[in-house]
Amino acid sequence: MSSPTASAGETCAPVPGRVALLQFPVSESKPSNHETATDYIARASKAGAQLCVLPEIWNGPYATAAFSEYAEELPDIGSTVDNLQDGGTTCPSAKLLMDKAREHGMWIVGGSVPERVVSVEEGKEDDIFNTCLCINPEGTIVGKHRKVHLFDINVPGGITFFESDTLSAGNTLTAFDVGEPLGMVGVGICYDIRFPEYSLLLCQKHKCNVLIFPGAFNLTTGPAHWELLQKGRAVDNQCYVMTAAPARTEDPASGPGGKAGRYPHYSSWGHSMVVSPWGDVVANSDEKEALVIADIEIEKVREMRRGIPTIKQKRTDLYRISDP
């Protein structure tokens, strides 16, 4: 179910298995984006979400030229709100998420923001990653995913975009345990969903019941593959798949007398959704801003894996997936 008009309010007790996808508009103003995220997290809490998911690159524009400006020095796994260096001044987006997770007693999968890793080598440029922080209800970071597969594409007549112009690729799997009823949750970012091996390995190694992909597919690949890929990963792994995208916004230069922003405008496909292990769309939105709420029934994962036991039937004598 979708609730685009839910209003912020007092924190409510989380409903076990209830999730919220936060599809909100992103601007060039980081403070404004922080205010929007704060509002949507409060709405998710009011709706009783046990876990909420923010969009990919939610603290600034999705533009290679912008990543460095909006990048933050993000804390590592195990960090708490109380032990952030400099009080969180170098990572205001992370601090906001950690504060809100603790305030609302809610798990937060923090979409992604650009992460700066300061080089210790003289003359070497800092690395910048597309990074998702996963935070427990105490405000502690329990997962940190750096986008593994960089979005480098050139579709004739469609879109050309090279994340590798600015970003470095991560090299780890990311999973964490939410406890009952969701259990193990795996995380990728956007383009990671196109690589079935990544999802298969998450479920094989960490027994994930849910896979989450904050993403910002565009108007070329979105209508063609966004829903298809989610259904494919859900059926492949007999699990729930959840995605959260930014809401689509108008190019400020497109209207009469419009003035272009500082960075190239990126149009998100939107359509955040939850897909069941059977491949059914449980809840979704269109391209507009929305709060998408769904109740996850993990018993459906168990039923699917019992009824069609593909995990046990894999021919590991012929093929196998393993991490290094």
C-alpha atoms as a PDB file:
ATOM      1  CA  MET A   1       0.000   0.000   0.000  1.00  0.00           C
ATOM      2  CA  SER A   2       1.162   3.542  -0.711  1.00  0.00           C
ATOM      3  CA  SER A   3       0.623   6.496   1.594  1.00  0.00           C
ATOM      4  CA  PRO A   4       1.917   9.664  -0.093  1.00  0.00           C
ATOM      5  CA  THR A   5      -0.018  11.982   2.193  1.00  0.00           C
ATOM      6  CA  ALA A   6       0.862  10.549   5.609  1.00  0.00           C
ATOM      7  CA  SER A   7       1.887  13.284   8.033  1.00  0.00           C
ATOM      8  CA  ALA A   8       4.678  13.373  10.570  1.00  0.00           C
ATOM      9  CA  GLY A   9       3.773  12.834  14.169  1.00  0.00           C
ATOM     10  CA  GLU A  10       4.675  11.081  17.375  1.00  0.00           C
ATOM     11  CA  THR A  11       6.798   7.958  17.295  1.00  0.00           C
ATOM     12  CA  CYS A  12       4.682   4.804  17.234  1.00  0.00           C
ATOM     13  CA  ALA A  13       5.605   1.339  18.409  1.00  0.00           C
ATOM     14  CA  PRO A  14       7.020  -0.556  15.407  1.00  0.00           C
ATOM     15  CA  VAL A  15       4.834  -3.258  13.897  1.00  0.00           C
ATOM     16  CA  PRO A  16       6.957  -6.408  13.399  1.00  0.00           C
ATOM     17  CA  GLY A  17       7.557  -6.987   9.701  1.00  0.00           C
ATOM     18  CA  ARG A  18       6.252  -3.602   8.586  1.00  0.00           C
ATOM     19  CA  VAL A  19       8.577  -1.737   6.207  1.00  0.00           C
ATOM     20  CA  ALA A  20       8.525   1.729   4.655  1.00  0.00           C
ATOM     21  CA  LEU A  21      10.099   2.947   1.416  1.00  0.00           C
ATOM     22  CA  LEU A  22      10.796   6.681   1.416  1.00  0.00           C
ATOM     23  CA  GLN A  23      10.439   8.038  -2.118  1.00  0.00           C
ATOM     24  CA  PHE A  24      11.077  11.744  -1.697  1.00  0.00           C
ATOM     25  CA  PRO A  25      12.385  14.528  -3.962  1.00  0.00           C
ATOM     26  CA  VAL A  26      16.071  15.466  -3.798  1.00  0.00           C
ATOM     27  CA  SER A  27      17.372  18.978  -4.404  1.00  0.00           C
ATOM     28  CA  GLU A  28      20.753  20.689  -4.620  1.00  0.00           C
ATOM     29  CA  SER A  29      20.347  21.911  -1.019  1.00  0.00           C
ATOM     30  CA  LYS A  30      21.734  19.436   1.517  1.00  0.00           C
ATOM     31  CA  PRO A  31      19.946  21.141   4.461  1.00  0.00           C
ATOM     32  CA  SER A  32      16.652  20.948   2.556  1.00  0.00           C
ATOM     33  CA  ASN A  33      17.251  17.266   1.788  1.00  0.00           C
ATOM     34  CA  HIS A  34      17.953  16.659   5.475  1.00  0.00           C
ATOM     35  CA  GLU A  35      14.636  18.285   6.388  1.00  0.00           C
ATOM     36  CA  THR A  36      12.795  16.154   3.838  1.00  0.00           C
ATOM     37  CA  ALA A  37      14.454  12.954   5.059  1.00  0.00           C
ATOM     38  CA  THR A  38      13.642  13.840   8.667  1.00  0.00           C
ATOM     39  CA  ASP A  39       9.988  14.367   7.766  1.00  0.00           C
ATOM     40  CA  TYR A  40       9.701  11.093   5.852  1.00  0.00           C
ATOM     41  CA  ILE A  41      11.421   9.080   8.573  1.00  0.00           C
ATOM     42  CA  ALA A  42       8.922  10.509  11.069  1.00  0.00           C
ATOM     43  CA  ARG A  43       6.054   9.527   8.755  1.00  0.00           C
ATOM     44  CA  ALA A  44       7.444   6.007   8.508  1.00  0.00           C
ATOM     45  CA  SER A  45       7.600   5.817  12.297  1.00  0.00           C
ATOM     46  CA  LYS A  46       4.033   7.082  12.631  1.00  0.00           C
ATOM     47  CA  ALA A  47       2.969   4.331  10.207  1.00  0.00           C
ATOM     48  CA  GLY A  48       4.524   1.743  12.540  1.00  0.00           C
ATOM     49  CA  ALA A  49       7.480   0.728  10.331  1.00  0.00           C
ATOM     50  CA  GLN A  50      10.011  -1.616  11.885  1.00  0.00           C
ATOM     51  CA  LEU A  51      12.433  -0.689   9.096  1.00  0.00           C
ATOM     52  CA  CYS A  52      12.592   2.117   6.551  1.00  0.00           C
ATOM     53  CA  VAL A  53      14.649   2.609   3.397  1.00  0.00           C
ATOM     54  CA  LEU A  54      15.857   5.902   1.928  1.00  0.00           C
ATOM     55  CA  PRO A  55      16.665   6.469  -1.775  1.00  0.00           C
ATOM     56  CA  GLU A  56      20.023   6.270  -3.508  1.00  0.00           C
ATOM     57  CA  ILE A  57      22.015   9.552  -3.275  1.00  0.00           C
ATOM     58  CA  TRP A  58      19.463  11.425  -1.188  1.00  0.00           C
ATOM     59  CA  ASN A  59      21.610  14.230   0.282  1.00  0.00           C
ATOM     60  CA  GLY A  60      22.443  15.895  -3.057  1.00  0.00           C
ATOM     61  CA  PRO A  61      22.156  15.637  -6.843  1.00  0.00           C
ATOM     62  CA  TYR A  62      22.814  12.368  -8.636  1.00  0.00           C
ATOM     63  CA  ALA A  63      25.575  13.801 -10.826  1.00  0.00           C
ATOM     64  CA  THR A  64      29.195  12.721 -11.090  1.00  0.00           C
ATOM     65  CA  ALA A  65      30.298  16.340 -10.830  1.00  0.00           C
ATOM     66  CA  ALA A  66      28.391  16.745  -7.547  1.00  0.00           C
ATOM     67  CA  PHE A  67      29.561  13.665  -5.660  1.00  0.00           C
ATOM     68  CA  SER A  68      32.760  15.245  -4.342  1.00  0.00           C
ATOM     69  CA  GLU A  69      30.981  18.347  -3.034  1.00  0.00           C
ATOM     70  CA  TYR A  70      28.317  16.364  -1.156  1.00  0.00           C
ATOM     71  CA  ALA A  71      30.642  13.601   0.082  1.00  0.00           C
ATOM     72  CA  GLU A  72      31.049  12.959   3.805  1.00  0.00           C
ATOM     73  CA  GLU A  73      33.551  11.022   5.916  1.00  0.00           C
ATOM     74  CA  LEU A  74      31.179   8.290   7.018  1.00  0.00           C
ATOM     75  CA  PRO A  75      31.624   6.333  10.269  1.00  0.00           C
ATOM     76  CA  ASP A  76      32.386   2.619  10.279  1.00  0.00           C
ATOM     77  CA  ILE A  77      30.423  -0.396  11.496  1.00  0.00           C
ATOM     78  CA  GLY A  78      30.065  -0.296  15.267  1.00  0.00           C
ATOM     79  CA  SER A  79      29.979   3.492  15.460  1.00  0.00           C
ATOM     80  CA  THR A  80      27.317   5.059  17.667  1.00  0.00           C
ATOM     81  CA  VAL A  81      25.838   8.546  17.765  1.00  0.00           C
ATOM     82  CA  ASP A  82      27.726   9.236  20.980  1.00  0.00           C
ATOM     83  CA  ASN A  83      31.181   8.372  19.649  1.00  0.00           C
ATOM     84  CA  LEU A  84      31.096  10.168  16.304  1.00  0.00           C
ATOM     85  CA  GLN A  85      34.307  12.074  15.707  1.00  0.00           C
ATOM     86  CA  ASP A  86      33.922  15.869  15.842  1.00  0.00           C
ATOM     87  CA  GLY A  87      30.335  15.334  16.933  1.00  0.00           C
ATOM     88  CA  GLY A  88      29.396  14.304  13.424  1.00  0.00           C
ATOM     89  CA  THR A  89      30.341  17.567  11.696  1.00  0.00           C
ATOM     90  CA  THR A  90      32.149  15.672   8.923  1.00  0.00           C
ATOM     91  CA  CYS A  91      29.178  13.342   8.423  1.00  0.00           C
ATOM     92  CA  PRO A  92      25.956  15.303   9.002  1.00  0.00           C
ATOM     93  CA  SER A  93      23.861  12.972   6.832  1.00  0.00           C
ATOM     94  CA  ALA A  94      25.062   9.943   8.771  1.00  0.00           C
ATOM     95  CA  LYS A  95      24.478  11.668  12.099  1.00  0.00           C
ATOM     96  CA  LEU A  96      20.942  12.540  11.069  1.00  0.00           C
ATOM     97  CA  LEU A  97      20.152   8.914  10.239  1.00  0.00           C
ATOM     98  CA  MET A  98      21.724   7.618  13.447  1.00  0.00           C
ATOM     99  CA  ASP A  99      19.871  10.206  15.546  1.00  0.00           C
ATOM    100  CA  LYS A 100      16.539   9.395  13.900  1.00  0.00           C
ATOM    101  CA  ALA A 101      17.001   5.634  14.190  1.00  0.00           C
ATOM    102  CA  ARG A 102      17.481   6.026  17.943  1.00  0.00           C
ATOM    103  CA  GLU A 103      14.748   8.631  18.318  1.00  0.00           C
ATOM    104  CA  HIS A 104      12.159   6.456  16.573  1.00  0.00           C
ATOM    105  CA  GLY A 105      13.466   3.049  17.671  1.00  0.00           C
ATOM    106  CA  MET A 106      13.557   1.958  14.035  1.00  0.00           C
ATOM    107  CA  TRP A 107      15.955   0.183  11.691  1.00  0.00           C
ATOM    108  CA  ILE A 108      17.123   2.509   8.926  1.00  0.00           C
ATOM    109  CA  VAL A 109      18.681   1.440   5.637  1.00  0.00           C
ATOM    110  CA  GLY A 110      20.101   4.802   4.709  1.00  0.00           C
ATOM    111  CA  GLY A 111      19.762   4.787   0.941  1.00  0.00           C
ATOM    112  CA  SER A 112      23.147   6.094  -0.100  1.00  0.00           C
ATOM    113  CA  VAL A 113      25.288   9.195   0.063  1.00  0.00           C
ATOM    114  CA  PRO A 114      28.727   9.914  -1.410  1.00  0.00           C
ATOM    115  CA  GLU A 115      31.438   8.831   1.026  1.00  0.00           C
ATOM    116  CA  ARG A 116      34.877  10.436   1.113  1.00  0.00           C
ATOM    117  CA  VAL A 117      37.830   8.326   2.268  1.00  0.00           C
ATOM    118  CA  VAL A 118      40.711  10.717   2.849  1.00  0.00           C
ATOM    119  CA  SER A 119      43.965   9.509   1.320  1.00  0.00           C
ATOM    120  CA  VAL A 120      46.947   9.136   3.627  1.00  0.00           C
ATOM    121  CA  GLU A 121      49.324   9.146   0.656  1.00  0.00           C
ATOM    122  CA  GLU A 122      50.710  12.502  -0.374  1.00  0.00           C
ATOM    123  CA  GLY A 123      49.575  13.511  -3.843  1.00  0.00           C
ATOM    124  CA  LYS A 124      46.891  10.799  -4.054  1.00  0.00           C
ATOM    125  CA  GLU A 125      43.283  11.893  -4.484  1.00  0.00           C
ATOM    126  CA  ASP A 126      40.658  10.890  -1.939  1.00  0.00           C
ATOM    127  CA  ASP A 127      38.482   7.914  -2.826  1.00  0.00           C
ATOM    128  CA  ILE A 128      34.751   8.581  -3.104  1.00  0.00           C
ATOM    129  CA  PHE A 129      32.243   5.731  -2.783  1.00  0.00           C
ATOM    130  CA  ASN A 130      28.480   5.450  -3.203  1.00  0.00           C
ATOM    131  CA  THR A 131      27.694   4.171   0.289  1.00  0.00           C
ATOM    132  CA  CYS A 132      24.700   2.896   2.240  1.00  0.00           C
ATOM    133  CA  LEU A 133      24.694   2.909   6.048  1.00  0.00           C
ATOM    134  CA  CYS A 134      22.499   0.391   7.887  1.00  0.00           C
ATOM    135  CA  ILE A 135      21.549   1.491  11.394  1.00  0.00           C
ATOM    136  CA  ASN A 136      19.843  -0.309  14.260  1.00  0.00           C
ATOM    137  CA  PRO A 137      17.211   1.170  16.603  1.00  0.00           C
ATOM    138  CA  GLU A 138      19.927   2.179  19.085  1.00  0.00           C
ATOM    139  CA  GLY A 139      21.569   4.370  16.441  1.00  0.00           C
ATOM    140  CA  THR A 140      24.527   2.022  15.900  1.00  0.00           C
ATOM    141  CA  ILE A 141      25.856   1.284  12.416  1.00  0.00           C
ATOM    142  CA  VAL A 142      25.536  -2.443  11.745  1.00  0.00           C
ATOM    143  CA  GLY A 143      26.189  -2.462   7.990  1.00  0.00           C
ATOM    144  CA  LYS A 144      28.083  -0.334   5.489  1.00  0.00           C
ATOM    145  CA  HIS A 145      27.699  -1.093   1.787  1.00  0.00           C
ATOM    146  CA  ARG A 146      29.842   0.548  -0.846  1.00  0.00           C
ATOM    147  CA  LYS A 147      28.282   0.108  -4.279  1.00  0.00           C
ATOM    148  CA  VAL A 148      30.092  -2.846  -5.825  1.00  0.00           C
ATOM    149  CA  HIS A 149      29.151  -2.379  -9.485  1.00  0.00           C
ATOM    150  CA  LEU A 150      29.589   1.145 -10.831  1.00  0.00           C
ATOM    151  CA  PHE A 151      26.975   2.485 -13.226  1.00  0.00           C
ATOM    152  CA  ASP A 152      29.012   2.956 -16.406  1.00  0.00           C
ATOM    153  CA  ILE A 153      26.709   2.769 -19.432  1.00  0.00           C
ATOM    154  CA  ASN A 154      26.279   4.254 -22.889  1.00  0.00           C
ATOM    155  CA  VAL A 155      22.889   3.401 -24.379  1.00  0.00           C
ATOM    156  CA  PRO A 156      22.588   4.657 -27.983  1.00  0.00           C
ATOM    157  CA  GLY A 157      19.731   7.121 -28.133  1.00  0.00           C
ATOM    158  CA  GLY A 158      19.249   6.758 -24.392  1.00  0.00           C
ATOM    159  CA  ILE A 159      21.580   7.674 -21.565  1.00  0.00           C
ATOM    160  CA  THR A 160      25.323   7.977 -21.064  1.00  0.00           C
ATOM    161  CA  PHE A 161      26.569   7.980 -17.470  1.00  0.00           C
ATOM    162  CA  PHE A 162      29.916   6.960 -15.969  1.00  0.00           C
ATOM    163  CA  GLU A 163      30.034   6.766 -12.183  1.00  0.00           C
ATOM    164  CA  SER A 164      33.667   5.684 -12.428  1.00  0.00           C
ATOM    165  CA  ASP A 165      34.546   9.232 -13.518  1.00  0.00           C
ATOM    166  CA  THR A 166      34.266  10.107  -9.835  1.00  0.00           C
ATOM    167  CA  LEU A 167      33.514   7.014  -7.757  1.00  0.00           C
ATOM    168  CA  SER A 168      35.500   3.983  -6.643  1.00  0.00           C
ATOM    169  CA  ALA A 169      33.908   0.540  -6.356  1.00  0.00           C
ATOM    170  CA  GLY A 170      33.324  -1.301  -3.103  1.00  0.00           C
ATOM    171  CA  ASN A 171      34.379  -4.924  -2.684  1.00  0.00           C
ATOM    172  CA  THR A 172      32.311  -6.471   0.100  1.00  0.00           C
ATOM    173  CA  LEU A 173      28.975  -8.194   0.631  1.00  0.00           C
ATOM    174  CA  THR A 174      26.640  -6.471   3.072  1.00  0.00           C
ATOM    175  CA  ALA A 175      24.114  -8.214   5.320  1.00  0.00           C
ATOM    176  CA  PHE A 176      22.820  -7.694   8.857  1.00  0.00           C
ATOM    177  CA  ASP A 177      20.348  -9.357  11.226  1.00  0.00           C
ATOM    178  CA  VAL A 178      17.174  -7.427  12.071  1.00  0.00           C
ATOM    179  CA  GLY A 179      15.875 -10.148  14.369  1.00  0.00           C
ATOM    180  CA  GLU A 180      12.292 -11.379  14.303  1.00  0.00           C
ATOM    181  CA  PRO A 181      10.490 -11.525  12.051  1.00  0.00           C
ATOM    182  CA  LEU A 182      12.617 -10.257   9.153  1.00  0.00           C
ATOM    183  CA  GLY A 183      15.855 -12.019  10.077  1.00  0.00           C
ATOM    184  CA  MET A 184      18.819 -11.516   7.745  1.00  0.00           C
ATOM    185  CA  VAL A 185      18.677  -8.589   5.338  1.00  0.00           C
ATOM    186  CA  GLY A 186      21.081  -8.118   2.435  1.00  0.00           C
ATOM    187  CA  VAL A 187      21.877  -4.780   0.809  1.00  0.00           C
ATOM    188  CA  GLY A 188      23.040  -3.677  -2.628  1.00  0.00           C
ATOM    189  CA  ILE A 189      22.795  -0.334  -4.401  1.00  0.00           C
ATOM    190  CA  CYS A 190      20.981   0.239  -7.702  1.00  0.00           C
ATOM    191  CA  TYR A 191      23.219  -1.235 -10.449  1.00  0.00           C
ATOM    192  CA  ASP A 192      24.174  -4.092  -8.083  1.00  0.00           C
ATOM    193  CA  ILE A 193      20.715  -5.572  -8.757  1.00  0.00           C
ATOM    194  CA  ARG A 194      21.704  -6.356 -12.362  1.00  0.00           C
ATOM    195  CA  PHE A 195      24.282  -8.907 -11.204  1.00  0.00           C
ATOM    196  CA  PRO A 196      22.455 -12.043 -10.014  1.00  0.00           C
ATOM    197  CA  GLU A 197      25.640 -13.535  -8.591  1.00  0.00           C
ATOM    198  CA  TYR A 198      25.781 -10.816  -5.928  1.00  0.00           C
ATOM    199  CA  SER A 199      22.247 -11.538  -4.719  1.00  0.00           C
ATOM    200  CA  LEU A 200      22.720 -15.307  -4.931  1.00  0.00           C
ATOM    201  CA  LEU A 201      25.860 -15.084  -2.812  1.00  0.00           C
ATOM    202  CA  LEU A 202      24.116 -12.909  -0.212  1.00  0.00           C
ATOM    203  CA  CYS A 203      21.376 -15.504   0.172  1.00  0.00           C
ATOM    204  CA  GLN A 204      23.731 -18.479   0.009  1.00  0.00           C
ATOM    205  CA  LYS A 205      26.229 -17.120   2.541  1.00  0.00           C
ATOM    206  CA  HIS A 206      23.991 -15.068   4.841  1.00  0.00           C
ATOM    207  CA  LYS A 207      20.605 -16.802   4.381  1.00  0.00           C
ATOM    208  CA  CYS A 208      18.908 -13.479   3.620  1.00  0.00           C
ATOM    209  CA  ASN A 209      15.115 -13.325   3.708  1.00  0.00           C
ATOM    210  CA  VAL A 210      15.046  -9.792   2.308  1.00  0.00           C
ATOM    211  CA  LEU A 211      17.224  -8.011  -0.265  1.00  0.00           C
ATOM    212  CA  ILE A 212      17.180  -4.209  -0.348  1.00  0.00           C
ATOM    213  CA  PHE A 213      18.389  -2.073  -3.235  1.00  0.00           C
ATOM    214  CA  PRO A 214      18.157   1.710  -2.906  1.00  0.00           C
ATOM    215  CA  GLY A 215      18.274   2.812  -6.545  1.00  0.00           C
ATOM    216  CA  ALA A 216      17.781   5.607  -9.027  1.00  0.00           C
ATOM    217  CA  PHE A 217      17.077   3.981 -12.379  1.00  0.00           C
ATOM    218  CA  ASN A 218      16.603   6.475 -15.206  1.00  0.00           C
ATOM    219  CA  LEU A 219      13.880   6.995 -17.794  1.00  0.00           C
ATOM    220  CA  THR A 220      15.605   4.679 -20.300  1.00  0.00           C
ATOM    221  CA  THR A 221      16.353   1.636 -18.138  1.00  0.00           C
ATOM    222  CA  GLY A 222      13.579   2.169 -15.572  1.00  0.00           C
ATOM    223  CA  PRO A 223      10.523   1.310 -17.674  1.00  0.00           C
ATOM    224  CA  ALA A 224      12.355  -1.586 -19.316  1.00  0.00           C
ATOM    225  CA  HIS A 225      14.100  -3.322 -16.424  1.00  0.00           C
ATOM    226  CA  TRP A 226      13.379  -1.866 -12.952  1.00  0.00           C
ATOM    227  CA  GLU A 227      10.416  -4.088 -12.040  1.00  0.00           C
ATOM    228  CA  LEU A 228      11.704  -7.018 -14.110  1.00  0.00           C
ATOM    229  CA  LEU A 229      15.015  -7.133 -12.256  1.00  0.00           C
ATOM    230  CA  GLN A 230      13.314  -6.992  -8.871  1.00  0.00           C
ATOM    231  CA  LYS A 231      11.051  -9.876  -9.781  1.00  0.00           C
ATOM    232  CA  GLY A 232      14.022 -11.822 -11.135  1.00  0.00           C
ATOM    233  CA  ARG A 233      16.094 -11.415  -7.962  1.00  0.00           C
ATOM    234  CA  ALA A 234      13.054 -12.254  -5.785  1.00  0.00           C
ATOM    235  CA  VAL A 235      12.307 -15.472  -7.691  1.00  0.00           C
ATOM    236  CA  ASP A 236      16.002 -16.420  -8.045  1.00  0.00           C
ATOM    237  CA  ASN A 237      16.492 -16.233  -4.305  1.00  0.00           C
ATOM    238  CA  GLN A 238      12.967 -16.983  -3.061  1.00  0.00           C
ATOM    239  CA  CYS A 239      12.996 -13.870  -0.916  1.00  0.00           C
ATOM    240  CA  TYR A 240      11.489 -10.405  -0.686  1.00  0.00           C
ATOM    241  CA  VAL A 241      13.103  -7.630  -2.724  1.00  0.00           C
ATOM    242  CA  MET A 242      12.642  -3.983  -1.763  1.00  0.00           C
ATOM    243  CA  THR A 243      13.729  -0.850  -3.615  1.00  0.00           C
ATOM    244  CA  ALA A 244      13.571   2.841  -2.741  1.00  0.00           C
ATOM    245  CA  ALA A 245      14.111   5.497  -5.399  1.00  0.00           C
ATOM    246  CA  PRO A 246      14.116   9.287  -5.364  1.00  0.00           C
ATOM    247  CA  ALA A 247      10.883  10.881  -6.522  1.00  0.00           C
ATOM    248  CA  ARG A 248      11.031  12.304 -10.023  1.00  0.00           C
ATOM    249  CA  THR A 249      11.616  16.036 -10.171  1.00  0.00           C
ATOM    250  CA  GLU A 250      11.292  18.527 -13.006  1.00  0.00           C
ATOM    251  CA  ASP A 251      14.390  19.975 -14.650  1.00  0.00           C
ATOM    252  CA  PRO A 252      14.469  23.576 -13.339  1.00  0.00           C
ATOM    253  CA  ALA A 253      15.579  24.706 -16.791  1.00  0.00           C
ATOM    254  CA  SER A 254      12.613  23.134 -18.581  1.00  0.00           C
ATOM    255  CA  GLY A 255       9.904  25.664 -17.708  1.00  0.00           C
ATOM    256  CA  PRO A 256       9.346  29.146 -19.103  1.00  0.00           C
ATOM    257  CA  GLY A 257      12.165  31.357 -17.904  1.00  0.00           C
ATOM    258  CA  GLY A 258      13.612  28.390 -16.041  1.00  0.00           C
ATOM    259  CA  LYS A 259      17.149  28.538 -14.744  1.00  0.00           C
ATOM    260  CA  ALA A 260      19.433  25.518 -14.858  1.00  0.00           C
ATOM    261  CA  GLY A 261      20.830  24.194 -11.610  1.00  0.00           C
ATOM    262  CA  ARG A 262      24.519  23.948 -10.853  1.00  0.00           C
ATOM    263  CA  TYR A 263      24.587  20.299 -11.945  1.00  0.00           C
ATOM    264  CA  PRO A 264      23.028  18.323 -14.810  1.00  0.00           C
ATOM    265  CA  HIS A 265      19.469  17.316 -13.971  1.00  0.00           C
ATOM    266  CA  TYR A 266      18.850  13.585 -13.447  1.00  0.00           C
ATOM    267  CA  SER A 267      15.343  12.181 -13.844  1.00  0.00           C
ATOM    268  CA  SER A 268      14.647   9.227 -11.577  1.00  0.00           C
ATOM    269  CA  TRP A 269      12.210   6.539 -12.720  1.00  0.00           C
ATOM    270  CA  GLY A 270      10.838   6.332  -9.173  1.00  0.00           C
ATOM    271  CA  HIS A 271       8.411   3.400  -8.730  1.00  0.00           C
ATOM    272  CA  SER A 272       9.752   2.178  -5.362  1.00  0.00           C
ATOM    273  CA  MET A 273       8.342  -1.262  -4.631  1.00  0.00           C
ATOM    274  CA  VAL A 274       8.242  -4.452  -2.600  1.00  0.00           C
ATOM    275  CA  VAL A 275       8.228  -7.790  -4.448  1.00  0.00           C
ATOM    276  CA  SER A 276       7.350 -11.138  -2.841  1.00  0.00           C
ATOM    277  CA  PRO A 277       9.268 -14.431  -3.186  1.00  0.00           C
ATOM    278  CA  TRP A 278       6.647 -15.499  -5.748  1.00  0.00           C
ATOM    279  CA  GLY A 279       7.423 -12.432  -7.855  1.00  0.00           C
ATOM    280  CA  ASP A 280       4.248 -10.528  -6.989  1.00  0.00           C
ATOM    281  CA  VAL A 281       4.357  -6.758  -6.440  1.00  0.00           C
ATOM    282  CA  VAL A 282       3.174  -6.358  -2.844  1.00  0.00           C
ATOM    283  CA  ALA A 283       3.312  -2.552  -2.739  1.00  0.00           C
ATOM    284  CA  ASN A 284       4.580   0.172  -5.039  1.00  0.00           C
ATOM    285  CA  SER A 285       4.325   3.794  -6.091  1.00  0.00           C
ATOM    286  CA  ASP A 286       4.445   5.805  -9.291  1.00  0.00           C
ATOM    287  CA  GLU A 287       7.089   8.449  -9.995  1.00  0.00           C
ATOM    288  CA  LYS A 288       5.741  11.029  -7.528  1.00  0.00           C
ATOM    289  CA  GLU A 289       6.826  11.433  -3.924  1.00  0.00           C
ATOM    290  CA  ALA A 290       5.339   8.728  -1.733  1.00  0.00           C
ATOM    291  CA  LEU A 291       5.624   6.756   1.465  1.00  0.00           C
ATOM    292  CA  VAL A 292       5.201   3.090   0.545  1.00  0.00           C
ATOM    293  CA  ILE A 293       4.182   0.787   3.402  1.00  0.00           C
ATOM    294  CA  ALA A 294       4.144  -3.016   3.295  1.00  0.00           C
ATOM    295  CA  ASP A 295       3.847  -5.839   5.821  1.00  0.00           C
ATOM    296  CA  ILE A 296       6.425  -8.538   5.106  1.00  0.00           C
ATOM    297  CA  GLU A 297       5.338 -12.137   5.738  1.00  0.00           C
ATOM    298  CA  ILE A 298       8.537 -14.119   6.189  1.00  0.00           C
ATOM    299  CA  GLU A 299       6.534 -17.357   6.307  1.00  0.00           C
ATOM    300  CA  LYS A 300       6.069 -16.886   2.555  1.00  0.00           C
ATOM    301  CA  VAL A 301       9.859 -17.130   2.174  1.00  0.00           C
ATOM    302  CA  ARG A 302       9.883 -20.385   4.132  1.00  0.00           C
ATOM    303  CA  GLU A 303       6.932 -21.769   2.164  1.00  0.00           C
ATOM    304  CA  MET A 304       8.590 -20.943  -1.148  1.00  0.00           C
ATOM    305  CA  ARG A 305      11.896 -22.493  -0.152  1.00  0.00           C
ATOM    306  CA  ARG A 306      10.155 -25.638   1.105  1.00  0.00           C
ATOM    307  CA  GLY A 307       7.824 -25.995  -1.874  1.00  0.00           C
ATOM    308  CA  ILE A 308      10.377 -25.326  -4.620  1.00  0.00           C
ATOM    309  CA  PRO A 309      13.692 -26.254  -2.935  1.00  0.00           C
ATOM    310  CA  THR A 310      16.071 -24.810  -5.519  1.00  0.00           C
ATOM    311  CA  ILE A 311      18.680 -24.049  -2.865  1.00  0.00           C
ATOM    312  CA  LYS A 312      19.012 -27.763  -2.103  1.00  0.00           C
ATOM    313  CA  GLN A 313      18.822 -28.749  -5.774  1.00  0.00           C
ATOM    314  CA  LYS A 314      21.741 -26.713  -7.087  1.00  0.00           C
ATOM    315  CA  ARG A 315      24.276 -28.791  -9.040  1.00  0.00           C
ATOM    316  CA  THR A 316      27.378 -27.792  -7.147  1.00  0.00           C
ATOM    317  CA  ASP A 317      29.215 -30.568  -8.981  1.00  0.00           C
ATOM    318  CA  LEU A 318      28.703 -28.515 -12.161  1.00  0.00           C
ATOM    319  CA  TYR A 319      28.657 -24.913 -10.892  1.00  0.00           C
ATOM    320  CA  ARG A 320      28.999 -22.931  -7.699  1.00  0.00           C
ATOM    321  CA  ILE A 321      29.184 -19.349  -6.519  1.00  0.00           C
ATOM    322  CA  SER A 322      31.819 -18.416  -3.965  1.00  0.00           C
ATOM    323  CA  ASP A 323      33.406 -15.236  -2.709  1.00  0.00           C
ATOM    324  CA  PRO A 324      37.223 -14.865  -2.706  1.00  0.00           C
END
